[in-house]
Amino acid sequence: MAAGTAASALPLASAKSKYPIVHHVFFWLKNPGSVEDRDKLVAGVKSLAKIETIKQIHVGIVASTEKRDVVDNSWGVSELMFFADLEGQKTYQDHPIHQEFIKNHSHLWEKVIVYDAVEA
């Protein structure tokens, strides 16, 4: 890598995010081989974008990347959400759209793990 390339990346690395609260959720499907179930869950997660306190959302499925010991590809669907503050994340948790999502889609998953982080 050229020295100029590394130096030009520094300002981005030190910039503070507009949305410092990250909510990352991983879902393990009850039927991991079912594309239909996966797609239903993806559509359900995407419906959460209507919640006004979610500033950015990324819905994902497992990527076909290189198999390495540090890579966990055992999950089926992920959601990555960004919030401006902790109050916004709390609003999301209690929001009727989120509660409806859980009610209508929880039959599709057997396990969920959530990682919440605040920018350091």
PDB file of N, CA and C in Angstrom:
ATOM      1  N   MET A   1       0.838  -1.166   0.000  1.00  0.00           N
ATOM      2  CA  MET A   1       0.000   0.000   0.000  1.00  0.00           C
ATOM      3  C   MET A   1       0.886   1.233   0.000  1.00  0.00           C
ATOM      4  N   ALA A   2       0.546   2.209  -0.794  1.00  0.00           N
ATOM      5  CA  ALA A   2       1.321   3.449  -0.873  1.00  0.00           C
ATOM      6  C   ALA A   2       1.080   4.291   0.358  1.00  0.00           C
ATOM      7  N   ALA A   3       2.101   5.031   0.772  1.00  0.00           N
ATOM      8  CA  ALA A   3       1.983   5.871   1.966  1.00  0.00           C
ATOM      9  C   ALA A   3       0.859   6.881   1.824  1.00  0.00           C
ATOM     10  N   GLY A   4       0.670   7.437   0.659  1.00  0.00           N
ATOM     11  CA  GLY A   4      -0.391   8.416   0.435  1.00  0.00           C
ATOM     12  C   GLY A   4      -1.767   7.819   0.646  1.00  0.00           C
ATOM     13  N   THR A   5      -1.935   6.566   0.293  1.00  0.00           N
ATOM     14  CA  THR A   5      -3.219   5.894   0.465  1.00  0.00           C
ATOM     15  C   THR A   5      -3.543   5.741   1.944  1.00  0.00           C
ATOM     16  N   ALA A   6      -2.584   5.309   2.726  1.00  0.00           N
ATOM     17  CA  ALA A   6      -2.814   5.131   4.161  1.00  0.00           C
ATOM     18  C   ALA A   6      -3.100   6.465   4.836  1.00  0.00           C
ATOM     19  N   ALA A   7      -2.357   7.496   4.482  1.00  0.00           N
ATOM     20  CA  ALA A   7      -2.538   8.810   5.094  1.00  0.00           C
ATOM     21  C   ALA A   7      -3.909   9.379   4.754  1.00  0.00           C
ATOM     22  N   SER A   8      -4.370   9.151   3.527  1.00  0.00           N
ATOM     23  CA  SER A   8      -5.657   9.714   3.135  1.00  0.00           C
ATOM     24  C   SER A   8      -6.818   9.017   3.845  1.00  0.00           C
ATOM     25  N   ALA A   9      -6.603   7.826   4.356  1.00  0.00           N
ATOM     26  CA  ALA A   9      -7.667   7.112   5.060  1.00  0.00           C
ATOM     27  C   ALA A   9      -7.807   7.553   6.509  1.00  0.00           C
ATOM     28  N   LEU A  10      -6.774   8.184   7.056  1.00  0.00           N
ATOM     29  CA  LEU A  10      -6.805   8.561   8.471  1.00  0.00           C
ATOM     30  C   LEU A  10      -7.968   9.454   8.865  1.00  0.00           C
ATOM     31  N   PRO A  11      -8.299  10.496   8.112  1.00  0.00           N
ATOM     32  CA  PRO A  11      -9.411  11.346   8.546  1.00  0.00           C
ATOM     33  C   PRO A  11     -10.724  10.585   8.666  1.00  0.00           C
ATOM     34  N   LEU A  12     -10.982   9.632   7.798  1.00  0.00           N
ATOM     35  CA  LEU A  12     -12.211   8.857   7.891  1.00  0.00           C
ATOM     36  C   LEU A  12     -12.212   7.984   9.138  1.00  0.00           C
ATOM     37  N   ALA A  13     -11.087   7.397   9.479  1.00  0.00           N
ATOM     38  CA  ALA A  13     -10.998   6.525  10.635  1.00  0.00           C
ATOM     39  C   ALA A  13     -11.240   7.285  11.936  1.00  0.00           C
ATOM     40  N   SER A  14     -10.888   8.550  11.974  1.00  0.00           N
ATOM     41  CA  SER A  14     -11.032   9.306  13.206  1.00  0.00           C
ATOM     42  C   SER A  14     -12.337  10.105  13.262  1.00  0.00           C
ATOM     43  N   ALA A  15     -13.107  10.123  12.184  1.00  0.00           N
ATOM     44  CA  ALA A  15     -14.361  10.872  12.162  1.00  0.00           C
ATOM     45  C   ALA A  15     -15.402  10.186  13.044  1.00  0.00           C
ATOM     46  N   LYS A  16     -16.166  10.990  13.771  1.00  0.00           N
ATOM     47  CA  LYS A  16     -17.238  10.448  14.603  1.00  0.00           C
ATOM     48  C   LYS A  16     -18.482  10.232  13.740  1.00  0.00           C
ATOM     49  N   SER A  17     -19.191   9.165  14.004  1.00  0.00           N
ATOM     50  CA  SER A  17     -20.388   8.822  13.265  1.00  0.00           C
ATOM     51  C   SER A  17     -21.566   9.686  13.698  1.00  0.00           C
ATOM     52  N   LYS A  18     -22.464   9.946  12.756  1.00  0.00           N
ATOM     53  CA  LYS A  18     -23.706  10.638  13.089  1.00  0.00           C
ATOM     54  C   LYS A  18     -24.622   9.724  13.887  1.00  0.00           C
ATOM     55  N   TYR A  19     -24.436   8.425  13.729  1.00  0.00           N
ATOM     56  CA  TYR A  19     -25.304   7.443  14.373  1.00  0.00           C
ATOM     57  C   TYR A  19     -24.449   6.464  15.183  1.00  0.00           C
ATOM     58  N   PRO A  20     -24.096   6.839  16.409  1.00  0.00           N
ATOM     59  CA  PRO A  20     -23.114   6.079  17.189  1.00  0.00           C
ATOM     60  C   PRO A  20     -23.634   4.811  17.876  1.00  0.00           C
ATOM     61  N   ILE A  21     -24.923   4.552  17.812  1.00  0.00           N
ATOM     62  CA  ILE A  21     -25.471   3.360  18.457  1.00  0.00           C
ATOM     63  C   ILE A  21     -25.720   2.301  17.386  1.00  0.00           C
ATOM     64  N   VAL A  22     -25.125   1.127  17.574  1.00  0.00           N
ATOM     65  CA  VAL A  22     -25.253   0.032  16.621  1.00  0.00           C
ATOM     66  C   VAL A  22     -25.974  -1.134  17.288  1.00  0.00           C
ATOM     67  N   HIS A  23     -26.952  -1.683  16.583  1.00  0.00           N
ATOM     68  CA  HIS A  23     -27.734  -2.836  17.045  1.00  0.00           C
ATOM     69  C   HIS A  23     -27.580  -3.902  15.969  1.00  0.00           C
ATOM     70  N   HIS A  24     -26.846  -4.978  16.279  1.00  0.00           N
ATOM     71  CA  HIS A  24     -26.585  -6.035  15.299  1.00  0.00           C
ATOM     72  C   HIS A  24     -27.195  -7.325  15.811  1.00  0.00           C
ATOM     73  N   VAL A  25     -28.066  -7.910  14.997  1.00  0.00           N
ATOM     74  CA  VAL A  25     -28.810  -9.104  15.400  1.00  0.00           C
ATOM     75  C   VAL A  25     -28.540 -10.214  14.391  1.00  0.00           C
ATOM     76  N   PHE A  26     -28.305 -11.414  14.917  1.00  0.00           N
ATOM     77  CA  PHE A  26     -28.116 -12.595  14.078  1.00  0.00           C
ATOM     78  C   PHE A  26     -29.223 -13.586  14.390  1.00  0.00           C
ATOM     79  N   PHE A  27     -29.846 -14.119  13.333  1.00  0.00           N
ATOM     80  CA  PHE A  27     -30.940 -15.079  13.450  1.00  0.00           C
ATOM     81  C   PHE A  27     -30.502 -16.423  12.886  1.00  0.00           C
ATOM     82  N   TRP A  28     -30.769 -17.479  13.635  1.00  0.00           N
ATOM     83  CA  TRP A  28     -30.587 -18.843  13.163  1.00  0.00           C
ATOM     84  C   TRP A  28     -31.975 -19.381  12.862  1.00  0.00           C
ATOM     85  N   LEU A  29     -32.188 -19.799  11.639  1.00  0.00           N
ATOM     86  CA  LEU A  29     -33.498 -20.281  11.204  1.00  0.00           C
ATOM     87  C   LEU A  29     -33.799 -21.673  11.749  1.00  0.00           C
ATOM     88  N   LYS A  30     -35.074 -21.924  12.040  1.00  0.00           N
ATOM     89  CA  LYS A  30     -35.499 -23.284  12.429  1.00  0.00           C
ATOM     90  C   LYS A  30     -35.282 -24.252  11.277  1.00  0.00           C
ATOM     91  N   ASN A  31     -35.506 -23.769  10.049  1.00  0.00           N
ATOM     92  CA  ASN A  31     -35.298 -24.574   8.848  1.00  0.00           C
ATOM     93  C   ASN A  31     -34.203 -23.907   8.019  1.00  0.00           C
ATOM     94  N   PRO A  32     -32.931 -24.128   8.387  1.00  0.00           N
ATOM     95  CA  PRO A  32     -31.836 -23.403   7.734  1.00  0.00           C
ATOM     96  C   PRO A  32     -31.730 -23.636   6.231  1.00  0.00           C
ATOM     97  N   GLY A  33     -32.275 -24.728   5.730  1.00  0.00           N
ATOM     98  CA  GLY A  33     -32.214 -25.001   4.292  1.00  0.00           C
ATOM     99  C   GLY A  33     -33.349 -24.378   3.505  1.00  0.00           C
ATOM    100  N   SER A  34     -34.298 -23.727   4.187  1.00  0.00           N
ATOM    101  CA  SER A  34     -35.474 -23.175   3.522  1.00  0.00           C
ATOM    102  C   SER A  34     -35.230 -21.740   3.057  1.00  0.00           C
ATOM    103  N   VAL A  35     -35.112 -21.571   1.740  1.00  0.00           N
ATOM    104  CA  VAL A  35     -34.960 -20.238   1.170  1.00  0.00           C
ATOM    105  C   VAL A  35     -36.247 -19.447   1.398  1.00  0.00           C
ATOM    106  N   GLU A  36     -37.385 -20.113   1.357  1.00  0.00           N
ATOM    107  CA  GLU A  36     -38.674 -19.449   1.584  1.00  0.00           C
ATOM    108  C   GLU A  36     -38.729 -18.841   2.988  1.00  0.00           C
ATOM    109  N   ASP A  37     -38.348 -19.611   4.008  1.00  0.00           N
ATOM    110  CA  ASP A  37     -38.340 -19.089   5.381  1.00  0.00           C
ATOM    111  C   ASP A  37     -37.340 -17.940   5.519  1.00  0.00           C
ATOM    112  N   ARG A  38     -36.165 -18.117   4.929  1.00  0.00           N
ATOM    113  CA  ARG A  38     -35.154 -17.055   4.980  1.00  0.00           C
ATOM    114  C   ARG A  38     -35.693 -15.773   4.361  1.00  0.00           C
ATOM    115  N   ASP A  39     -36.322 -15.891   3.200  1.00  0.00           N
ATOM    116  CA  ASP A  39     -36.837 -14.718   2.506  1.00  0.00           C
ATOM    117  C   ASP A  39     -37.983 -14.058   3.274  1.00  0.00           C
ATOM    118  N   LYS A  40     -38.810 -14.853   3.948  1.00  0.00           N
ATOM    119  CA  LYS A  40     -39.871 -14.282   4.793  1.00  0.00           C
ATOM    120  C   LYS A  40     -39.264 -13.475   5.934  1.00  0.00           C
ATOM    121  N   LEU A  41     -38.221 -14.004   6.547  1.00  0.00           N
ATOM    122  CA  LEU A  41     -37.569 -13.298   7.645  1.00  0.00           C
ATOM    123  C   LEU A  41     -36.880 -12.029   7.134  1.00  0.00           C
ATOM    124  N   VAL A  42     -36.222 -12.103   5.991  1.00  0.00           N
ATOM    125  CA  VAL A  42     -35.590 -10.922   5.403  1.00  0.00           C
ATOM    126  C   VAL A  42     -36.639  -9.835   5.161  1.00  0.00           C
ATOM    127  N   ALA A  43     -37.777 -10.198   4.592  1.00  0.00           N
ATOM    128  CA  ALA A  43     -38.840  -9.224   4.331  1.00  0.00           C
ATOM    129  C   ALA A  43     -39.351  -8.622   5.645  1.00  0.00           C
ATOM    130  N   GLY A  44     -39.499  -9.457   6.666  1.00  0.00           N
ATOM    131  CA  GLY A  44     -39.943  -8.961   7.960  1.00  0.00           C
ATOM    132  C   GLY A  44     -38.963  -7.976   8.566  1.00  0.00           C
ATOM    133  N   VAL A  45     -37.677  -8.309   8.508  1.00  0.00           N
ATOM    134  CA  VAL A  45     -36.659  -7.401   9.055  1.00  0.00           C
ATOM    135  C   VAL A  45     -36.664  -6.086   8.283  1.00  0.00           C
ATOM    136  N   LYS A  46     -36.785  -6.156   6.963  1.00  0.00           N
ATOM    137  CA  LYS A  46     -36.808  -4.932   6.160  1.00  0.00           C
ATOM    138  C   LYS A  46     -37.995  -4.046   6.520  1.00  0.00           C
ATOM    139  N   SER A  47     -39.095  -4.641   6.957  1.00  0.00           N
ATOM    140  CA  SER A  47     -40.274  -3.854   7.340  1.00  0.00           C
ATOM    141  C   SER A  47     -39.996  -2.977   8.561  1.00  0.00           C
ATOM    142  N   LEU A  48     -38.986  -3.329   9.347  1.00  0.00           N
ATOM    143  CA  LEU A  48     -38.633  -2.544  10.530  1.00  0.00           C
ATOM    144  C   LEU A  48     -38.096  -1.167  10.163  1.00  0.00           C
ATOM    145  N   ALA A  49     -37.655  -0.975   8.925  1.00  0.00           N
ATOM    146  CA  ALA A  49     -37.108   0.308   8.481  1.00  0.00           C
ATOM    147  C   ALA A  49     -38.125   1.443   8.601  1.00  0.00           C
ATOM    148  N   LYS A  50     -39.408   1.105   8.726  1.00  0.00           N
ATOM    149  CA  LYS A  50     -40.454   2.124   8.884  1.00  0.00           C
ATOM    150  C   LYS A  50     -40.383   2.813  10.244  1.00  0.00           C
ATOM    151  N   ILE A  51     -39.651   2.235  11.187  1.00  0.00           N
ATOM    152  CA  ILE A  51     -39.544   2.826  12.523  1.00  0.00           C
ATOM    153  C   ILE A  51     -38.638   4.048  12.420  1.00  0.00           C
ATOM    154  N   GLU A  52     -39.168   5.191  12.816  1.00  0.00           N
ATOM    155  CA  GLU A  52     -38.518   6.479  12.565  1.00  0.00           C
ATOM    156  C   GLU A  52     -37.168   6.661  13.242  1.00  0.00           C
ATOM    157  N   THR A  53     -36.896   5.964  14.329  1.00  0.00           N
ATOM    158  CA  THR A  53     -35.618   6.164  15.013  1.00  0.00           C
ATOM    159  C   THR A  53     -34.478   5.342  14.412  1.00  0.00           C
ATOM    160  N   ILE A  54     -34.792   4.424  13.506  1.00  0.00           N
ATOM    161  CA  ILE A  54     -33.747   3.680  12.793  1.00  0.00           C
ATOM    162  C   ILE A  54     -33.201   4.607  11.709  1.00  0.00           C
ATOM    163  N   LYS A  55     -31.937   4.983  11.840  1.00  0.00           N
ATOM    164  CA  LYS A  55     -31.332   5.937  10.912  1.00  0.00           C
ATOM    165  C   LYS A  55     -30.760   5.257   9.674  1.00  0.00           C
ATOM    166  N   GLN A  56     -30.246   4.033   9.843  1.00  0.00           N
ATOM    167  CA  GLN A  56     -29.749   3.223   8.731  1.00  0.00           C
ATOM    168  C   GLN A  56     -30.014   1.769   9.085  1.00  0.00           C
ATOM    169  N   ILE A  57     -30.257   0.959   8.062  1.00  0.00           N
ATOM    170  CA  ILE A  57     -30.472  -0.476   8.278  1.00  0.00           C
ATOM    171  C   ILE A  57     -29.798  -1.248   7.150  1.00  0.00           C
ATOM    172  N   HIS A  58     -29.210  -2.361   7.526  1.00  0.00           N
ATOM    173  CA  HIS A  58     -28.628  -3.286   6.548  1.00  0.00           C
ATOM    174  C   HIS A  58     -29.138  -4.670   6.928  1.00  0.00           C
ATOM    175  N   VAL A  59     -29.800  -5.324   5.987  1.00  0.00           N
ATOM    176  CA  VAL A  59     -30.298  -6.679   6.198  1.00  0.00           C
ATOM    177  C   VAL A  59     -29.430  -7.600   5.357  1.00  0.00           C
ATOM    178  N   GLY A  60     -28.901  -8.656   5.985  1.00  0.00           N
ATOM    179  CA  GLY A  60     -27.973  -9.510   5.263  1.00  0.00           C
ATOM    180  C   GLY A  60     -28.254 -10.989   5.409  1.00  0.00           C
ATOM    181  N   ILE A  61     -27.661 -11.740   4.492  1.00  0.00           N
ATOM    182  CA  ILE A  61     -27.612 -13.195   4.574  1.00  0.00           C
ATOM    183  C   ILE A  61     -26.137 -13.577   4.491  1.00  0.00           C
ATOM    184  N   VAL A  62     -25.831 -14.802   4.814  1.00  0.00           N
ATOM    185  CA  VAL A  62     -24.440 -15.250   4.879  1.00  0.00           C
ATOM    186  C   VAL A  62     -23.755 -15.081   3.522  1.00  0.00           C
ATOM    187  N   ALA A  63     -22.586 -14.461   3.545  1.00  0.00           N
ATOM    188  CA  ALA A  63     -21.785 -14.278   2.333  1.00  0.00           C
ATOM    189  C   ALA A  63     -20.943 -15.520   2.071  1.00  0.00           C
ATOM    190  N   SER A  64     -20.661 -15.759   0.820  1.00  0.00           N
ATOM    191  CA  SER A  64     -19.822 -16.902   0.429  1.00  0.00           C
ATOM    192  C   SER A  64     -18.355 -16.490   0.456  1.00  0.00           C
ATOM    193  N   THR A  65     -17.877 -16.144   1.637  1.00  0.00           N
ATOM    194  CA  THR A  65     -16.478 -15.744   1.776  1.00  0.00           C
ATOM    195  C   THR A  65     -15.629 -16.954   2.152  1.00  0.00           C
ATOM    196  N   GLU A  66     -14.339 -16.736   2.156  1.00  0.00           N
ATOM    197  CA  GLU A  66     -13.378 -17.783   2.475  1.00  0.00           C
ATOM    198  C   GLU A  66     -13.658 -18.381   3.851  1.00  0.00           C
ATOM    199  N   LYS A  67     -13.599 -19.677   3.956  1.00  0.00           N
ATOM    200  CA  LYS A  67     -13.778 -20.373   5.237  1.00  0.00           C
ATOM    201  C   LYS A  67     -12.507 -20.224   6.061  1.00  0.00           C
ATOM    202  N   ARG A  68     -12.663 -19.636   7.258  1.00  0.00           N
ATOM    203  CA  ARG A  68     -11.538 -19.467   8.180  1.00  0.00           C
ATOM    204  C   ARG A  68     -12.037 -19.754   9.581  1.00  0.00           C
ATOM    205  N   ASP A  69     -11.141 -20.076  10.500  1.00  0.00           N
ATOM    206  CA  ASP A  69     -11.522 -20.403  11.875  1.00  0.00           C
ATOM    207  C   ASP A  69     -12.259 -19.273  12.573  1.00  0.00           C
ATOM    208  N   VAL A  70     -11.985 -18.029  12.215  1.00  0.00           N
ATOM    209  CA  VAL A  70     -12.576 -16.881  12.900  1.00  0.00           C
ATOM    210  C   VAL A  70     -13.928 -16.456  12.314  1.00  0.00           C
ATOM    211  N   VAL A  71     -14.362 -17.083  11.237  1.00  0.00           N
ATOM    212  CA  VAL A  71     -15.606 -16.706  10.572  1.00  0.00           C
ATOM    213  C   VAL A  71     -16.732 -17.643  11.021  1.00  0.00           C
ATOM    214  N   ASP A  72     -17.796 -17.042  11.550  1.00  0.00           N
ATOM    215  CA  ASP A  72     -18.990 -17.803  11.933  1.00  0.00           C
ATOM    216  C   ASP A  72     -20.042 -17.588  10.850  1.00  0.00           C
ATOM    217  N   ASN A  73     -20.320 -18.632  10.108  1.00  0.00           N
ATOM    218  CA  ASN A  73     -21.349 -18.540   9.072  1.00  0.00           C
ATOM    219  C   ASN A  73     -22.510 -19.485   9.371  1.00  0.00           C
ATOM    220  N   SER A  74     -22.743 -19.726  10.652  1.00  0.00           N
ATOM    221  CA  SER A  74     -23.789 -20.658  11.058  1.00  0.00           C
ATOM    222  C   SER A  74     -25.178 -20.021  11.110  1.00  0.00           C
ATOM    223  N   TRP A  75     -25.259 -18.694  11.062  1.00  0.00           N
ATOM    224  CA  TRP A  75     -26.530 -17.979  11.128  1.00  0.00           C
ATOM    225  C   TRP A  75     -27.153 -17.888   9.737  1.00  0.00           C
ATOM    226  N   GLY A  76     -28.383 -17.374   9.664  1.00  0.00           N
ATOM    227  CA  GLY A  76     -29.060 -17.289   8.375  1.00  0.00           C
ATOM    228  C   GLY A  76     -29.353 -15.878   7.895  1.00  0.00           C
ATOM    229  N   VAL A  77     -29.775 -15.000   8.829  1.00  0.00           N
ATOM    230  CA  VAL A  77     -30.153 -13.627   8.486  1.00  0.00           C
ATOM    231  C   VAL A  77     -29.573 -12.710   9.551  1.00  0.00           C
ATOM    232  N   SER A  78     -29.139 -11.517   9.133  1.00  0.00           N
ATOM    233  CA  SER A  78     -28.676 -10.531  10.110  1.00  0.00           C
ATOM    234  C   SER A  78     -29.328  -9.184   9.834  1.00  0.00           C
ATOM    235  N   GLU A  79     -29.443  -8.410  10.901  1.00  0.00           N
ATOM    236  CA  GLU A  79     -29.875  -7.022  10.757  1.00  0.00           C
ATOM    237  C   GLU A  79     -28.858  -6.156  11.476  1.00  0.00           C
ATOM    238  N   LEU A  80     -28.473  -5.092  10.819  1.00  0.00           N
ATOM    239  CA  LEU A  80     -27.544  -4.126  11.399  1.00  0.00           C
ATOM    240  C   LEU A  80     -28.241  -2.780  11.333  1.00  0.00           C
ATOM    241  N   MET A  81     -28.486  -2.192  12.513  1.00  0.00           N
ATOM    242  CA  MET A  81     -29.213  -0.922  12.583  1.00  0.00           C
ATOM    243  C   MET A  81     -28.356   0.113  13.275  1.00  0.00           C
ATOM    244  N   PHE A  82     -28.542   1.350  12.865  1.00  0.00           N
ATOM    245  CA  PHE A  82     -27.831   2.476  13.456  1.00  0.00           C
ATOM    246  C   PHE A  82     -28.840   3.460  14.027  1.00  0.00           C
ATOM    247  N   PHE A  83     -28.537   3.942  15.232  1.00  0.00           N
ATOM    248  CA  PHE A  83     -29.394   4.897  15.926  1.00  0.00           C
ATOM    249  C   PHE A  83     -28.582   6.112  16.333  1.00  0.00           C
ATOM    250  N   ALA A  84     -29.251   7.256  16.426  1.00  0.00           N
ATOM    251  CA  ALA A  84     -28.590   8.491  16.836  1.00  0.00           C
ATOM    252  C   ALA A  84     -28.266   8.496  18.325  1.00  0.00           C
ATOM    253  N   ASP A  85     -29.094   7.787  19.122  1.00  0.00           N
ATOM    254  CA  ASP A  85     -28.896   7.791  20.566  1.00  0.00           C
ATOM    255  C   ASP A  85     -29.581   6.571  21.194  1.00  0.00           C
ATOM    256  N   LEU A  86     -29.315   6.361  22.468  1.00  0.00           N
ATOM    257  CA  LEU A  86     -29.890   5.214  23.176  1.00  0.00           C
ATOM    258  C   LEU A  86     -31.405   5.320  23.281  1.00  0.00           C
ATOM    259  N   GLU A  87     -31.923   6.531  23.379  1.00  0.00           N
ATOM    260  CA  GLU A  87     -33.374   6.718  23.435  1.00  0.00           C
ATOM    261  C   GLU A  87     -34.037   6.208  22.153  1.00  0.00           C
ATOM    262  N   GLY A  88     -33.391   6.462  21.016  1.00  0.00           N
ATOM    263  CA  GLY A  88     -33.915   5.970  19.744  1.00  0.00           C
ATOM    264  C   GLY A  88     -33.920   4.457  19.673  1.00  0.00           C
ATOM    265  N   GLN A  89     -32.897   3.844  20.228  1.00  0.00           N
ATOM    266  CA  GLN A  89     -32.844   2.376  20.246  1.00  0.00           C
ATOM    267  C   GLN A  89     -33.947   1.833  21.153  1.00  0.00           C
ATOM    268  N   LYS A  90     -34.199   2.485  22.269  1.00  0.00           N
ATOM    269  CA  LYS A  90     -35.271   2.068  23.186  1.00  0.00           C
ATOM    270  C   LYS A  90     -36.639   2.222  22.517  1.00  0.00           C
ATOM    271  N   THR A  91     -36.824   3.325  21.785  1.00  0.00           N
ATOM    272  CA  THR A  91     -38.078   3.530  21.052  1.00  0.00           C
ATOM    273  C   THR A  91     -38.306   2.388  20.078  1.00  0.00           C
ATOM    274  N   TYR A  92     -37.254   1.987  19.375  1.00  0.00           N
ATOM    275  CA  TYR A  92     -37.332   0.860  18.438  1.00  0.00           C
ATOM    276  C   TYR A  92     -37.764  -0.413  19.158  1.00  0.00           C
ATOM    277  N   GLN A  93     -37.156  -0.707  20.299  1.00  0.00           N
ATOM    278  CA  GLN A  93     -37.475  -1.944  21.025  1.00  0.00           C
ATOM    279  C   GLN A  93     -38.951  -2.025  21.383  1.00  0.00           C
ATOM    280  N   ASP A  94     -39.523  -0.893  21.797  1.00  0.00           N
ATOM    281  CA  ASP A  94     -40.907  -0.861  22.267  1.00  0.00           C
ATOM    282  C   ASP A  94     -41.917  -0.574  21.164  1.00  0.00           C
ATOM    283  N   HIS A  95     -41.445  -0.245  19.981  1.00  0.00           N
ATOM    284  CA  HIS A  95     -42.320   0.199  18.895  1.00  0.00           C
ATOM    285  C   HIS A  95     -43.292  -0.910  18.463  1.00  0.00           C
ATOM    286  N   PRO A  96     -44.549  -0.556  18.181  1.00  0.00           N
ATOM    287  CA  PRO A  96     -45.526  -1.563  17.741  1.00  0.00           C
ATOM    288  C   PRO A  96     -45.104  -2.331  16.489  1.00  0.00           C
ATOM    289  N   ILE A  97     -44.390  -1.693  15.566  1.00  0.00           N
ATOM    290  CA  ILE A  97     -43.922  -2.400  14.360  1.00  0.00           C
ATOM    291  C   ILE A  97     -42.926  -3.494  14.746  1.00  0.00           C
ATOM    292  N   HIS A  98     -42.033  -3.203  15.697  1.00  0.00           N
ATOM    293  CA  HIS A  98     -41.071  -4.205  16.162  1.00  0.00           C
ATOM    294  C   HIS A  98     -41.788  -5.336  16.897  1.00  0.00           C
ATOM    295  N   GLN A  99     -42.740  -4.992  17.740  1.00  0.00           N
ATOM    296  CA  GLN A  99     -43.484  -6.018  18.481  1.00  0.00           C
ATOM    297  C   GLN A  99     -44.289  -6.900  17.524  1.00  0.00           C
ATOM    298  N   GLU A 100     -44.859  -6.312  16.488  1.00  0.00           N
ATOM    299  CA  GLU A 100     -45.601  -7.067  15.472  1.00  0.00           C
ATOM    300  C   GLU A 100     -44.656  -7.986  14.690  1.00  0.00           C
ATOM    301  N   PHE A 101     -43.463  -7.496  14.376  1.00  0.00           N
ATOM    302  CA  PHE A 101     -42.456  -8.311  13.692  1.00  0.00           C
ATOM    303  C   PHE A 101     -42.146  -9.566  14.520  1.00  0.00           C
ATOM    304  N   ILE A 102     -41.913  -9.397  15.803  1.00  0.00           N
ATOM    305  CA  ILE A 102     -41.604 -10.539  16.673  1.00  0.00           C
ATOM    306  C   ILE A 102     -42.764 -11.525  16.672  1.00  0.00           C
ATOM    307  N   LYS A 103     -43.976 -11.003  16.822  1.00  0.00           N
ATOM    308  CA  LYS A 103     -45.170 -11.857  16.864  1.00  0.00           C
ATOM    309  C   LYS A 103     -45.335 -12.655  15.568  1.00  0.00           C
ATOM    310  N   ASN A 104     -45.095 -12.003  14.430  1.00  0.00           N
ATOM    311  CA  ASN A 104     -45.358 -12.632  13.135  1.00  0.00           C
ATOM    312  C   ASN A 104     -44.208 -13.447  12.560  1.00  0.00           C
ATOM    313  N   HIS A 105     -42.996 -13.274  13.098  1.00  0.00           N
ATOM    314  CA  HIS A 105     -41.841 -13.943  12.501  1.00  0.00           C
ATOM    315  C   HIS A 105     -41.045 -14.841  13.444  1.00  0.00           C
ATOM    316  N   SER A 106     -41.309 -14.792  14.731  1.00  0.00           N
ATOM    317  CA  SER A 106     -40.498 -15.563  15.687  1.00  0.00           C
ATOM    318  C   SER A 106     -40.589 -17.069  15.452  1.00  0.00           C
ATOM    319  N   HIS A 107     -41.638 -17.526  14.795  1.00  0.00           N
ATOM    320  CA  HIS A 107     -41.751 -18.960  14.491  1.00  0.00           C
ATOM    321  C   HIS A 107     -40.692 -19.420  13.483  1.00  0.00           C
ATOM    322  N   LEU A 108     -40.052 -18.454  12.804  1.00  0.00           N
ATOM    323  CA  LEU A 108     -39.054 -18.794  11.787  1.00  0.00           C
ATOM    324  C   LEU A 108     -37.665 -19.047  12.355  1.00  0.00           C
ATOM    325  N   TRP A 109     -37.382 -18.546  13.567  1.00  0.00           N
ATOM    326  CA  TRP A 109     -36.031 -18.695  14.097  1.00  0.00           C
ATOM    327  C   TRP A 109     -35.993 -19.577  15.327  1.00  0.00           C
ATOM    328  N   GLU A 110     -34.826 -20.223  15.506  1.00  0.00           N
ATOM    329  CA  GLU A 110     -34.614 -21.036  16.702  1.00  0.00           C
ATOM    330  C   GLU A 110     -33.690 -20.351  17.691  1.00  0.00           C
ATOM    331  N   LYS A 111     -32.916 -19.370  17.215  1.00  0.00           N
ATOM    332  CA  LYS A 111     -31.949 -18.691  18.077  1.00  0.00           C
ATOM    333  C   LYS A 111     -31.718 -17.284  17.542  1.00  0.00           C
ATOM    334  N   VAL A 112     -31.541 -16.352  18.475  1.00  0.00           N
ATOM    335  CA  VAL A 112     -31.230 -14.968  18.129  1.00  0.00           C
ATOM    336  C   VAL A 112     -30.133 -14.487  19.069  1.00  0.00           C
ATOM    337  N   ILE A 113     -29.134 -13.818  18.520  1.00  0.00           N
ATOM    338  CA  ILE A 113     -28.097 -13.186  19.346  1.00  0.00           C
ATOM    339  C   ILE A 113     -28.022 -11.718  18.941  1.00  0.00           C
ATOM    340  N   VAL A 114     -27.991 -10.852  19.953  1.00  0.00           N
ATOM    341  CA  VAL A 114     -27.953  -9.407  19.733  1.00  0.00           C
ATOM    342  C   VAL A 114     -26.647  -8.847  20.273  1.00  0.00           C
ATOM    343  N   TYR A 115     -26.030  -7.975  19.470  1.00  0.00           N
ATOM    344  CA  TYR A 115     -24.849  -7.230  19.901  1.00  0.00           C
ATOM    345  C   TYR A 115     -25.196  -5.748  19.783  1.00  0.00           C
ATOM    346  N   ASP A 116     -25.209  -5.051  20.915  1.00  0.00           N
ATOM    347  CA  ASP A 116     -25.415  -3.601  20.933  1.00  0.00           C
ATOM    348  C   ASP A 116     -24.099  -2.943  21.295  1.00  0.00           C
ATOM    349  N   ALA A 117     -23.758  -1.886  20.576  1.00  0.00           N
ATOM    350  CA  ALA A 117     -22.496  -1.196  20.830  1.00  0.00           C
ATOM    351  C   ALA A 117     -22.694   0.302  20.672  1.00  0.00           C
ATOM    352  N   VAL A 118     -21.898   1.033  21.441  1.00  0.00           N
ATOM    353  CA  VAL A 118     -21.834   2.481  21.312  1.00  0.00           C
ATOM    354  C   VAL A 118     -20.440   2.819  20.795  1.00  0.00           C
ATOM    355  N   GLU A 119     -20.369   3.827  19.936  1.00  0.00           N
ATOM    356  CA  GLU A 119     -19.082   4.189  19.338  1.00  0.00           C
ATOM    357  C   GLU A 119     -18.062   4.556  20.404  1.00  0.00           C
ATOM    358  N   ALA A 120     -16.850   4.045  20.254  1.00  0.00           N
ATOM    359  CA  ALA A 120     -15.772   4.291  21.214  1.00  0.00           C
ATOM    360  C   ALA A 120     -15.035   5.573  20.886  1.00  0.00           C
TER     361      ALA A 120
END
